[in-house]
PDB file of N, CA and C in Angstrom:
ATOM      1  N   MET A   1    -121.096  70.445 -27.565  1.00  0.00           N
ATOM      2  CA  MET A   1    -121.946  71.606 -27.913  1.00  0.00           C
ATOM      3  C   MET A   1    -121.178  72.866 -27.801  1.00  0.00           C
ATOM      4  N   ILE A   2    -120.407  73.054 -26.822  1.00  0.00           N
ATOM      5  CA  ILE A   2    -119.593  74.287 -26.625  1.00  0.00           C
ATOM      6  C   ILE A   2    -118.572  74.437 -27.730  1.00  0.00           C
ATOM      7  N   TYR A   3    -117.922  73.312 -28.081  1.00  0.00           N
ATOM      8  CA  TYR A   3    -116.944  73.453 -29.253  1.00  0.00           C
ATOM      9  C   TYR A   3    -117.684  73.853 -30.483  1.00  0.00           C
ATOM     10  N   ASP A   4    -118.906  73.320 -30.766  1.00  0.00           N
ATOM     11  CA  ASP A   4    -119.606  73.693 -31.992  1.00  0.00           C
ATOM     12  C   ASP A   4    -119.971  75.125 -31.901  1.00  0.00           C
ATOM     13  N   ILE A   5    -120.337  75.722 -30.862  1.00  0.00           N
ATOM     14  CA  ILE A   5    -120.721  77.092 -30.751  1.00  0.00           C
ATOM     15  C   ILE A   5    -119.483  77.887 -31.007  1.00  0.00           C
ATOM     16  N   LEU A   6    -118.366  77.605 -30.392  1.00  0.00           N
ATOM     17  CA  LEU A   6    -117.135  78.384 -30.588  1.00  0.00           C
ATOM     18  C   LEU A   6    -116.673  78.316 -32.065  1.00  0.00           C
ATOM     19  N   ASP A   7    -116.833  77.102 -32.742  1.00  0.00           N
ATOM     20  CA  ASP A   7    -116.446  76.978 -34.104  1.00  0.00           C
ATOM     21  C   ASP A   7    -117.329  77.784 -34.939  1.00  0.00           C
ATOM     22  N   LYS A   8    -118.684  77.748 -34.756  1.00  0.00           N
ATOM     23  CA  LYS A   8    -119.596  78.441 -35.603  1.00  0.00           C
ATOM     24  C   LYS A   8    -119.457  79.966 -35.421  1.00  0.00           C
ATOM     25  N   GLN A   9    -119.000  80.467 -34.340  1.00  0.00           N
ATOM     26  CA  GLN A   9    -118.880  81.808 -34.048  1.00  0.00           C
ATOM     27  C   GLN A   9    -117.529  82.329 -34.179  1.00  0.00           C
ATOM     28  N   SER A  10    -116.642  81.571 -34.989  1.00  0.00           N
ATOM     29  CA  SER A  10    -115.318  81.999 -35.451  1.00  0.00           C
ATOM     30  C   SER A  10    -114.320  82.212 -34.329  1.00  0.00           C
ATOM     31  N   ALA A  11    -114.460  81.372 -33.240  1.00  0.00           N
ATOM     32  CA  ALA A  11    -113.363  81.450 -32.209  1.00  0.00           C
ATOM     33  C   ALA A  11    -112.044  80.911 -32.861  1.00  0.00           C
ATOM     34  N   GLU A  12    -111.023  81.292 -32.275  1.00  0.00           N
ATOM     35  CA  GLU A  12    -109.700  80.956 -32.833  1.00  0.00           C
ATOM     36  C   GLU A  12    -108.907  79.986 -31.900  1.00  0.00           C
ATOM     37  N   ASP A  13    -108.203  78.995 -32.470  1.00  0.00           N
ATOM     38  CA  ASP A  13    -107.245  78.198 -31.629  1.00  0.00           C
ATOM     39  C   ASP A  13    -108.095  77.436 -30.569  1.00  0.00           C
ATOM     40  N   ILE A  14    -109.111  76.754 -30.801  1.00  0.00           N
ATOM     41  CA  ILE A  14    -109.949  76.072 -29.866  1.00  0.00           C
ATOM     42  C   ILE A  14    -109.213  74.779 -29.440  1.00  0.00           C
ATOM     43  N   VAL A  15    -109.069  74.606 -28.128  1.00  0.00           N
ATOM     44  CA  VAL A  15    -108.312  73.495 -27.652  1.00  0.00           C
ATOM     45  C   VAL A  15    -109.162  72.823 -26.470  1.00  0.00           C
ATOM     46  N   ARG A  16    -109.297  71.554 -26.501  1.00  0.00           N
ATOM     47  CA  ARG A  16    -110.007  70.794 -25.438  1.00  0.00           C
ATOM     48  C   ARG A  16    -108.927  70.041 -24.637  1.00  0.00           C
ATOM     49  N   LEU A  17    -108.908  70.294 -23.336  1.00  0.00           N
ATOM     50  CA  LEU A  17    -108.042  69.586 -22.405  1.00  0.00           C
ATOM     51  C   LEU A  17    -108.729  68.563 -21.582  1.00  0.00           C
ATOM     52  N   ASP A  18    -108.277  67.342 -21.553  1.00  0.00           N
ATOM     53  CA  ASP A  18    -108.941  66.338 -20.709  1.00  0.00           C
ATOM     54  C   ASP A  18    -108.321  66.418 -19.338  1.00  0.00           C
ATOM     55  N   LEU A  19    -109.009  66.810 -18.316  1.00  0.00           N
ATOM     56  CA  LEU A  19    -108.634  66.943 -16.990  1.00  0.00           C
ATOM     57  C   LEU A  19    -108.870  65.732 -16.094  1.00  0.00           C
ATOM     58  N   THR A  20    -109.460  64.759 -16.725  1.00  0.00           N
ATOM     59  CA  THR A  20    -109.782  63.499 -15.893  1.00  0.00           C
ATOM     60  C   THR A  20    -108.604  62.946 -15.188  1.00  0.00           C
ATOM     61  N   GLY A  21    -108.637  62.893 -13.933  1.00  0.00           N
ATOM     62  CA  GLY A  21    -107.490  62.333 -13.107  1.00  0.00           C
ATOM     63  C   GLY A  21    -106.442  63.432 -12.725  1.00  0.00           C
ATOM     64  N   LYS A  22    -106.500  64.633 -13.342  1.00  0.00           N
ATOM     65  CA  LYS A  22    -105.536  65.624 -13.090  1.00  0.00           C
ATOM     66  C   LYS A  22    -106.103  66.725 -12.142  1.00  0.00           C
ATOM     67  N   SER A  23    -107.458  66.804 -12.055  1.00  0.00           N
ATOM     68  CA  SER A  23    -108.036  67.832 -11.283  1.00  0.00           C
ATOM     69  C   SER A  23    -109.437  67.372 -10.717  1.00  0.00           C
ATOM     70  N   SER A  24    -109.797  67.894  -9.603  1.00  0.00           N
ATOM     71  CA  SER A  24    -111.115  67.560  -9.030  1.00  0.00           C
ATOM     72  C   SER A  24    -112.100  68.673  -9.425  1.00  0.00           C
ATOM     73  N   ILE A  25    -111.678  69.781 -10.067  1.00  0.00           N
ATOM     74  CA  ILE A  25    -112.566  70.899 -10.377  1.00  0.00           C
ATOM     75  C   ILE A  25    -113.322  70.735 -11.576  1.00  0.00           C
ATOM     76  N   ALA A  26    -112.873  69.877 -12.530  1.00  0.00           N
ATOM     77  CA  ALA A  26    -113.627  69.669 -13.843  1.00  0.00           C
ATOM     78  C   ALA A  26    -113.011  68.485 -14.551  1.00  0.00           C
ATOM     79  N   ASP A  27    -113.792  67.901 -15.504  1.00  0.00           N
ATOM     80  CA  ASP A  27    -113.301  66.892 -16.316  1.00  0.00           C
ATOM     81  C   ASP A  27    -112.752  67.348 -17.671  1.00  0.00           C
ATOM     82  N   THR A  28    -113.242  68.521 -18.025  1.00  0.00           N
ATOM     83  CA  THR A  28    -112.779  69.078 -19.382  1.00  0.00           C
ATOM     84  C   THR A  28    -112.582  70.549 -19.223  1.00  0.00           C
ATOM     85  N   MET A  29    -111.524  71.002 -19.929  1.00  0.00           N
ATOM     86  CA  MET A  29    -111.323  72.454 -20.012  1.00  0.00           C
ATOM     87  C   MET A  29    -111.236  72.850 -21.465  1.00  0.00           C
ATOM     88  N   ILE A  30    -111.989  73.823 -21.913  1.00  0.00           N
ATOM     89  CA  ILE A  30    -111.892  74.262 -23.209  1.00  0.00           C
ATOM     90  C   ILE A  30    -111.312  75.721 -23.277  1.00  0.00           C
ATOM     91  N   VAL A  31    -110.327  75.848 -24.113  1.00  0.00           N
ATOM     92  CA  VAL A  31    -109.634  77.169 -24.198  1.00  0.00           C
ATOM     93  C   VAL A  31    -109.716  77.615 -25.626  1.00  0.00           C
ATOM     94  N   ALA A  32    -110.177  78.916 -25.753  1.00  0.00           N
ATOM     95  CA  ALA A  32    -110.328  79.474 -27.141  1.00  0.00           C
ATOM     96  C   ALA A  32    -110.008  80.974 -27.112  1.00  0.00           C
ATOM     97  N   SER A  33    -109.762  81.546 -28.233  1.00  0.00           N
ATOM     98  CA  SER A  33    -109.398  82.944 -28.360  1.00  0.00           C
ATOM     99  C   SER A  33    -110.526  83.662 -29.228  1.00  0.00           C
ATOM    100  N   GLY A  34    -110.848  84.944 -28.785  1.00  0.00           N
ATOM    101  CA  GLY A  34    -111.558  85.849 -29.618  1.00  0.00           C
ATOM    102  C   GLY A  34    -110.594  86.917 -30.170  1.00  0.00           C
ATOM    103  N   ARG A  35    -110.995  87.513 -31.272  1.00  0.00           N
ATOM    104  CA  ARG A  35    -110.121  88.439 -31.895  1.00  0.00           C
ATOM    105  C   ARG A  35    -110.032  89.810 -31.081  1.00  0.00           C
ATOM    106  N   SER A  36    -111.032  90.106 -30.326  1.00  0.00           N
ATOM    107  CA  SER A  36    -111.051  91.457 -29.553  1.00  0.00           C
ATOM    108  C   SER A  36    -111.897  91.210 -28.315  1.00  0.00           C
ATOM    109  N   ASN A  37    -111.977  92.229 -27.492  1.00  0.00           N
ATOM    110  CA  ASN A  37    -112.834  92.164 -26.289  1.00  0.00           C
ATOM    111  C   ASN A  37    -114.311  91.902 -26.707  1.00  0.00           C
ATOM    112  N   ARG A  38    -114.670  92.636 -27.728  1.00  0.00           N
ATOM    113  CA  ARG A  38    -116.052  92.397 -28.158  1.00  0.00           C
ATOM    114  C   ARG A  38    -116.371  90.928 -28.664  1.00  0.00           C
ATOM    115  N   HIS A  39    -115.387  90.390 -29.338  1.00  0.00           N
ATOM    116  CA  HIS A  39    -115.509  89.026 -29.768  1.00  0.00           C
ATOM    117  C   HIS A  39    -115.596  88.104 -28.647  1.00  0.00           C
ATOM    118  N   VAL A  40    -114.686  88.262 -27.696  1.00  0.00           N
ATOM    119  CA  VAL A  40    -114.662  87.466 -26.421  1.00  0.00           C
ATOM    120  C   VAL A  40    -116.070  87.463 -25.709  1.00  0.00           C
ATOM    121  N   ASN A  41    -116.610  88.768 -25.675  1.00  0.00           N
ATOM    122  CA  ASN A  41    -117.871  88.910 -24.973  1.00  0.00           C
ATOM    123  C   ASN A  41    -118.957  88.224 -25.746  1.00  0.00           C
ATOM    124  N   ALA A  42    -118.972  88.332 -27.130  1.00  0.00           N
ATOM    125  CA  ALA A  42    -119.969  87.676 -27.924  1.00  0.00           C
ATOM    126  C   ALA A  42    -119.856  86.131 -27.768  1.00  0.00           C
ATOM    127  N   LEU A  43    -118.590  85.562 -27.733  1.00  0.00           N
ATOM    128  CA  LEU A  43    -118.504  84.058 -27.615  1.00  0.00           C
ATOM    129  C   LEU A  43    -119.039  83.683 -26.182  1.00  0.00           C
ATOM    130  N   SER A  44    -118.727  84.469 -25.199  1.00  0.00           N
ATOM    131  CA  SER A  44    -119.235  84.166 -23.912  1.00  0.00           C
ATOM    132  C   SER A  44    -120.750  84.077 -23.896  1.00  0.00           C
ATOM    133  N   ASP A  45    -121.335  85.119 -24.392  1.00  0.00           N
ATOM    134  CA  ASP A  45    -122.844  85.193 -24.505  1.00  0.00           C
ATOM    135  C   ASP A  45    -123.467  84.072 -25.250  1.00  0.00           C
ATOM    136  N   TYR A  46    -122.851  83.602 -26.416  1.00  0.00           N
ATOM    137  CA  TYR A  46    -123.401  82.495 -27.125  1.00  0.00           C
ATOM    138  C   TYR A  46    -123.257  81.156 -26.300  1.00  0.00           C
ATOM    139  N   ILE A  47    -122.144  81.024 -25.641  1.00  0.00           N
ATOM    140  CA  ILE A  47    -122.001  79.788 -24.755  1.00  0.00           C
ATOM    141  C   ILE A  47    -123.009  79.830 -23.689  1.00  0.00           C
ATOM    142  N   GLN A  48    -123.206  80.939 -22.970  1.00  0.00           N
ATOM    143  CA  GLN A  48    -124.095  81.002 -21.872  1.00  0.00           C
ATOM    144  C   GLN A  48    -125.517  80.713 -22.310  1.00  0.00           C
ATOM    145  N   ARG A  49    -125.914  81.266 -23.411  1.00  0.00           N
ATOM    146  CA  ARG A  49    -127.195  80.958 -23.992  1.00  0.00           C
ATOM    147  C   ARG A  49    -127.389  79.483 -24.287  1.00  0.00           C
ATOM    148  N   GLY A  50    -126.474  78.957 -24.867  1.00  0.00           N
ATOM    149  CA  GLY A  50    -126.517  77.453 -25.247  1.00  0.00           C
ATOM    150  C   GLY A  50    -126.623  76.637 -24.073  1.00  0.00           C
ATOM    151  N   LEU A  51    -125.832  76.934 -23.073  1.00  0.00           N
ATOM    152  CA  LEU A  51    -125.839  76.124 -21.799  1.00  0.00           C
ATOM    153  C   LEU A  51    -127.235  76.229 -21.145  1.00  0.00           C
ATOM    154  N   LYS A  52    -127.741  77.400 -21.016  1.00  0.00           N
ATOM    155  CA  LYS A  52    -129.071  77.624 -20.412  1.00  0.00           C
ATOM    156  C   LYS A  52    -130.074  76.948 -21.178  1.00  0.00           C
ATOM    157  N   GLU A  53    -130.002  76.893 -22.522  1.00  0.00           N
ATOM    158  CA  GLU A  53    -131.096  76.177 -23.340  1.00  0.00           C
ATOM    159  C   GLU A  53    -131.095  74.654 -22.998  1.00  0.00           C
ATOM    160  N   ILE A  54    -129.974  74.102 -22.678  1.00  0.00           N
ATOM    161  CA  ILE A  54    -129.897  72.705 -22.363  1.00  0.00           C
ATOM    162  C   ILE A  54    -130.130  72.407 -20.786  1.00  0.00           C
ATOM    163  N   GLY A  55    -130.484  73.551 -20.113  1.00  0.00           N
ATOM    164  CA  GLY A  55    -130.901  73.317 -18.711  1.00  0.00           C
ATOM    165  C   GLY A  55    -129.879  73.667 -17.636  1.00  0.00           C
ATOM    166  N   LEU A  56    -128.693  74.093 -18.031  1.00  0.00           N
ATOM    167  CA  LEU A  56    -127.711  74.556 -17.027  1.00  0.00           C
ATOM    168  C   LEU A  56    -127.852  76.031 -16.778  1.00  0.00           C
ATOM    169  N   LYS A  57    -128.516  76.298 -15.642  1.00  0.00           N
ATOM    170  CA  LYS A  57    -128.931  77.635 -15.262  1.00  0.00           C
ATOM    171  C   LYS A  57    -127.939  78.277 -14.313  1.00  0.00           C
ATOM    172  N   LYS A  58    -127.179  77.482 -13.469  1.00  0.00           N
ATOM    173  CA  LYS A  58    -126.328  78.039 -12.538  1.00  0.00           C
ATOM    174  C   LYS A  58    -124.878  77.915 -13.049  1.00  0.00           C
ATOM    175  N   LEU A  59    -124.378  78.925 -13.680  1.00  0.00           N
ATOM    176  CA  LEU A  59    -123.097  78.984 -14.279  1.00  0.00           C
ATOM    177  C   LEU A  59    -122.266  80.043 -13.509  1.00  0.00           C
ATOM    178  N   GLY A  60    -121.085  79.700 -13.265  1.00  0.00           N
ATOM    179  CA  GLY A  60    -120.094  80.674 -12.722  1.00  0.00           C
ATOM    180  C   GLY A  60    -119.499  81.335 -13.869  1.00  0.00           C
ATOM    181  N   ILE A  61    -119.482  82.749 -13.811  1.00  0.00           N
ATOM    182  CA  ILE A  61    -118.861  83.577 -14.802  1.00  0.00           C
ATOM    183  C   ILE A  61    -118.025  84.587 -14.163  1.00  0.00           C
ATOM    184  N   GLU A  62    -116.815  84.720 -14.686  1.00  0.00           N
ATOM    185  CA  GLU A  62    -115.822  85.651 -14.238  1.00  0.00           C
ATOM    186  C   GLU A  62    -115.231  86.382 -15.407  1.00  0.00           C
ATOM    187  N   GLY A  63    -114.886  87.648 -15.230  1.00  0.00           N
ATOM    188  CA  GLY A  63    -114.150  88.433 -16.252  1.00  0.00           C
ATOM    189  C   GLY A  63    -115.025  89.030 -17.362  1.00  0.00           C
ATOM    190  N   ASP A  64    -116.303  88.984 -17.198  1.00  0.00           N
ATOM    191  CA  ASP A  64    -117.237  89.482 -18.181  1.00  0.00           C
ATOM    192  C   ASP A  64    -117.372  91.037 -18.218  1.00  0.00           C
ATOM    193  N   LYS A  65    -116.616  91.689 -17.424  1.00  0.00           N
ATOM    194  CA  LYS A  65    -116.700  93.196 -17.518  1.00  0.00           C
ATOM    195  C   LYS A  65    -115.708  93.743 -18.403  1.00  0.00           C
ATOM    196  N   GLN A  66    -114.433  93.154 -18.287  1.00  0.00           N
ATOM    197  CA  GLN A  66    -113.320  93.628 -19.259  1.00  0.00           C
ATOM    198  C   GLN A  66    -113.278  92.824 -20.536  1.00  0.00           C
ATOM    199  N   ASN A  67    -113.578  91.517 -20.466  1.00  0.00           N
ATOM    200  CA  ASN A  67    -113.529  90.652 -21.573  1.00  0.00           C
ATOM    201  C   ASN A  67    -112.173  90.416 -22.196  1.00  0.00           C
ATOM    202  N   ASP A  68    -111.065  90.590 -21.372  1.00  0.00           N
ATOM    203  CA  ASP A  68    -109.769  90.099 -21.737  1.00  0.00           C
ATOM    204  C   ASP A  68    -109.682  88.551 -21.567  1.00  0.00           C
ATOM    205  N   TRP A  69    -110.307  88.094 -20.587  1.00  0.00           N
ATOM    206  CA  TRP A  69    -110.303  86.673 -20.133  1.00  0.00           C
ATOM    207  C   TRP A  69    -111.560  86.443 -19.463  1.00  0.00           C
ATOM    208  N   VAL A  70    -112.397  85.583 -20.071  1.00  0.00           N
ATOM    209  CA  VAL A  70    -113.684  85.243 -19.433  1.00  0.00           C
ATOM    210  C   VAL A  70    -113.695  83.709 -19.098  1.00  0.00           C
ATOM    211  N   LEU A  71    -114.041  83.424 -17.905  1.00  0.00           N
ATOM    212  CA  LEU A  71    -114.121  82.080 -17.482  1.00  0.00           C
ATOM    213  C   LEU A  71    -115.543  81.624 -17.279  1.00  0.00           C
ATOM    214  N   ILE A  72    -115.961  80.585 -17.790  1.00  0.00           N
ATOM    215  CA  ILE A  72    -117.322  80.067 -17.609  1.00  0.00           C
ATOM    216  C   ILE A  72    -117.269  78.696 -17.045  1.00  0.00           C
ATOM    217  N   ASP A  73    -117.749  78.570 -15.738  1.00  0.00           N
ATOM    218  CA  ASP A  73    -117.717  77.315 -15.057  1.00  0.00           C
ATOM    219  C   ASP A  73    -119.089  76.702 -15.204  1.00  0.00           C
ATOM    220  N   ALA A  74    -119.080  75.597 -15.974  1.00  0.00           N
ATOM    221  CA  ALA A  74    -120.352  74.851 -16.182  1.00  0.00           C
ATOM    222  C   ALA A  74    -120.339  73.500 -15.499  1.00  0.00           C
ATOM    223  N   GLY A  75    -119.751  73.462 -14.354  1.00  0.00           N
ATOM    224  CA  GLY A  75    -119.626  72.236 -13.661  1.00  0.00           C
ATOM    225  C   GLY A  75    -118.397  71.328 -14.074  1.00  0.00           C
ATOM    226  N   ASP A  76    -118.746  70.260 -14.785  1.00  0.00           N
ATOM    227  CA  ASP A  76    -117.680  69.385 -15.284  1.00  0.00           C
ATOM    228  C   ASP A  76    -116.869  69.936 -16.482  1.00  0.00           C
ATOM    229  N   VAL A  77    -117.292  71.084 -17.008  1.00  0.00           N
ATOM    230  CA  VAL A  77    -116.628  71.731 -18.146  1.00  0.00           C
ATOM    231  C   VAL A  77    -116.334  73.177 -17.717  1.00  0.00           C
ATOM    232  N   ILE A  78    -115.026  73.620 -17.898  1.00  0.00           N
ATOM    233  CA  ILE A  78    -114.668  74.969 -17.675  1.00  0.00           C
ATOM    234  C   ILE A  78    -114.124  75.511 -19.048  1.00  0.00           C
ATOM    235  N   VAL A  79    -114.657  76.749 -19.333  1.00  0.00           N
ATOM    236  CA  VAL A  79    -114.260  77.314 -20.603  1.00  0.00           C
ATOM    237  C   VAL A  79    -113.567  78.635 -20.351  1.00  0.00           C
ATOM    238  N   HIS A  80    -112.432  78.788 -20.924  1.00  0.00           N
ATOM    239  CA  HIS A  80    -111.527  80.032 -20.834  1.00  0.00           C
ATOM    240  C   HIS A  80    -111.586  80.627 -22.231  1.00  0.00           C
ATOM    241  N   LEU A  81    -111.933  81.925 -22.269  1.00  0.00           N
ATOM    242  CA  LEU A  81    -111.988  82.641 -23.584  1.00  0.00           C
ATOM    243  C   LEU A  81    -111.091  83.832 -23.314  1.00  0.00           C
ATOM    244  N   PHE A  82    -110.154  84.018 -24.207  1.00  0.00           N
ATOM    245  CA  PHE A  82    -109.111  85.040 -24.135  1.00  0.00           C
ATOM    246  C   PHE A  82    -108.943  85.856 -25.392  1.00  0.00           C
ATOM    247  N   ARG A  83    -108.469  87.093 -25.174  1.00  0.00           N
ATOM    248  CA  ARG A  83    -107.932  87.852 -26.317  1.00  0.00           C
ATOM    249  C   ARG A  83    -106.527  87.134 -26.584  1.00  0.00           C
ATOM    250  N   PRO A  84    -106.039  87.047 -27.862  1.00  0.00           N
ATOM    251  CA  PRO A  84    -104.767  86.330 -28.040  1.00  0.00           C
ATOM    252  C   PRO A  84    -103.561  86.637 -27.209  1.00  0.00           C
ATOM    253  N   GLU A  85    -103.339  87.870 -27.031  1.00  0.00           N
ATOM    254  CA  GLU A  85    -102.120  88.313 -26.256  1.00  0.00           C
ATOM    255  C   GLU A  85    -102.325  87.923 -24.732  1.00  0.00           C
ATOM    256  N   VAL A  86    -103.485  87.899 -24.247  1.00  0.00           N
ATOM    257  CA  VAL A  86    -103.730  87.438 -22.820  1.00  0.00           C
ATOM    258  C   VAL A  86    -103.482  85.982 -22.660  1.00  0.00           C
ATOM    259  N   ARG A  87    -103.981  85.253 -23.673  1.00  0.00           N
ATOM    260  CA  ARG A  87    -103.836  83.787 -23.730  1.00  0.00           C
ATOM    261  C   ARG A  87    -102.445  83.448 -23.758  1.00  0.00           C
ATOM    262  N   GLU A  88    -101.695  84.071 -24.568  1.00  0.00           N
ATOM    263  CA  GLU A  88    -100.239  83.779 -24.750  1.00  0.00           C
ATOM    264  C   GLU A  88     -99.536  84.059 -23.419  1.00  0.00           C
ATOM    265  N   PHE A  89     -99.871  85.152 -22.744  1.00  0.00           N
ATOM    266  CA  PHE A  89     -99.204  85.524 -21.421  1.00  0.00           C
ATOM    267  C   PHE A  89     -99.461  84.444 -20.393  1.00  0.00           C
ATOM    268  N   TYR A  90    -100.655  83.952 -20.240  1.00  0.00           N
ATOM    269  CA  TYR A  90    -101.049  83.003 -19.217  1.00  0.00           C
ATOM    270  C   TYR A  90    -100.728  81.566 -19.559  1.00  0.00           C
ATOM    271  N   ALA A  91    -100.725  81.185 -20.822  1.00  0.00           N
ATOM    272  CA  ALA A  91    -100.303  79.881 -21.277  1.00  0.00           C
ATOM    273  C   ALA A  91    -100.980  78.737 -20.480  1.00  0.00           C
ATOM    274  N   LEU A  92    -102.221  78.750 -20.373  1.00  0.00           N
ATOM    275  CA  LEU A  92    -102.997  77.694 -19.593  1.00  0.00           C
ATOM    276  C   LEU A  92    -102.755  76.366 -20.131  1.00  0.00           C
ATOM    277  N   GLU A  93    -102.827  76.195 -21.445  1.00  0.00           N
ATOM    278  CA  GLU A  93    -102.552  74.861 -22.073  1.00  0.00           C
ATOM    279  C   GLU A  93    -101.304  74.225 -21.579  1.00  0.00           C
ATOM    280  N   LYS A  94    -100.181  74.984 -21.502  1.00  0.00           N
ATOM    281  CA  LYS A  94     -98.923  74.432 -21.087  1.00  0.00           C
ATOM    282  C   LYS A  94     -99.034  74.064 -19.599  1.00  0.00           C
ATOM    283  N   LEU A  95     -99.648  74.844 -18.838  1.00  0.00           N
ATOM    284  CA  LEU A  95     -99.807  74.583 -17.388  1.00  0.00           C
ATOM    285  C   LEU A  95    -100.519  73.230 -17.137  1.00  0.00           C
ATOM    286  N   TRP A  96    -101.625  73.035 -17.896  1.00  0.00           N
ATOM    287  CA  TRP A  96    -102.423  71.752 -17.622  1.00  0.00           C
ATOM    288  C   TRP A  96    -101.838  70.569 -18.456  1.00  0.00           C
ATOM    289  N   ALA A  97    -101.147  70.855 -19.454  1.00  0.00           N
ATOM    290  CA  ALA A  97    -100.696  69.772 -20.290  1.00  0.00           C
ATOM    291  C   ALA A  97     -99.450  69.067 -19.605  1.00  0.00           C
ATOM    292  N   VAL A  98     -98.723  69.710 -18.855  1.00  0.00           N
ATOM    293  CA  VAL A  98     -97.625  69.132 -18.192  1.00  0.00           C
ATOM    294  C   VAL A  98     -97.917  68.499 -16.881  1.00  0.00           C
ATOM    295  N   SER A  99     -97.618  67.256 -16.771  1.00  0.00           N
ATOM    296  CA  SER A  99     -97.813  66.494 -15.538  1.00  0.00           C
ATOM    297  C   SER A  99     -96.467  66.182 -14.868  1.00  0.00           C
ATOM    298  N   PRO A 100     -96.175  66.726 -13.707  1.00  0.00           N
ATOM    299  CA  PRO A 100     -94.891  66.440 -13.054  1.00  0.00           C
ATOM    300  C   PRO A 100     -94.722  64.974 -12.712  1.00  0.00           C
ATOM    301  N   THR A 101     -93.551  64.444 -12.752  1.00  0.00           N
ATOM    302  CA  THR A 101     -93.360  63.052 -12.370  1.00  0.00           C
ATOM    303  C   THR A 101     -93.104  62.989 -10.898  1.00  0.00           C
ATOM    304  N   HIS A 102     -93.100  61.829 -10.397  1.00  0.00           N
ATOM    305  CA  HIS A 102     -92.897  61.586  -8.953  1.00  0.00           C
ATOM    306  C   HIS A 102     -91.571  62.175  -8.534  1.00  0.00           C
ATOM    307  N   GLU A 103     -90.541  62.027  -9.381  1.00  0.00           N
ATOM    308  CA  GLU A 103     -89.193  62.562  -9.064  1.00  0.00           C
ATOM    309  C   GLU A 103     -89.205  64.122  -8.985  1.00  0.00           C
ATOM    310  N   ASP A 104     -89.928  64.716  -9.904  1.00  0.00           N
ATOM    311  CA  ASP A 104     -90.096  66.189  -9.903  1.00  0.00           C
ATOM    312  C   ASP A 104     -90.646  66.637  -8.628  1.00  0.00           C
ATOM    313  N   LEU A 105     -91.698  65.943  -8.080  1.00  0.00           N
ATOM    314  CA  LEU A 105     -92.331  66.378  -6.863  1.00  0.00           C
ATOM    315  C   LEU A 105     -91.400  66.204  -5.706  1.00  0.00           C
ATOM    316  N   GLU A 106     -90.635  65.165  -5.588  1.00  0.00           N
ATOM    317  CA  GLU A 106     -89.634  64.898  -4.596  1.00  0.00           C
ATOM    318  C   GLU A 106     -88.520  65.976  -4.558  1.00  0.00           C
ATOM    319  N   ASN A 107     -88.128  66.472  -5.700  1.00  0.00           N
ATOM    320  CA  ASN A 107     -87.101  67.554  -5.838  1.00  0.00           C
ATOM    321  C   ASN A 107     -87.551  68.945  -5.667  1.00  0.00           C
ATOM    322  N   ALA A 108     -88.880  69.099  -5.564  1.00  0.00           N
ATOM    323  CA  ALA A 108     -89.406  70.545  -5.509  1.00  0.00           C
ATOM    324  C   ALA A 108     -89.201  71.096  -4.124  1.00  0.00           C
TER     325      ALA A 108
END
């Protein structure tokens, strides 16, 4: 549902990351970009409304004042909405996509 909302509202570069077995905080992370602060804010509003319509009333929301980066914690799904340059700076997809090997952990 979240992906459909983002796609319908013209979010850019929508990525779904499977966190199963990688993290206890969520099973899925969705990362998308909005063209501006206003677009990021609108995307966040649409997602929040959609989640509330299906009964998720307790959502964790961060960053909705500046709208450079908005995080929506919906329990098993975490959504990150960015302006493109902020997304590029933090590179969350790279952070979560790389799994260190056992050897990497021993050498750290």
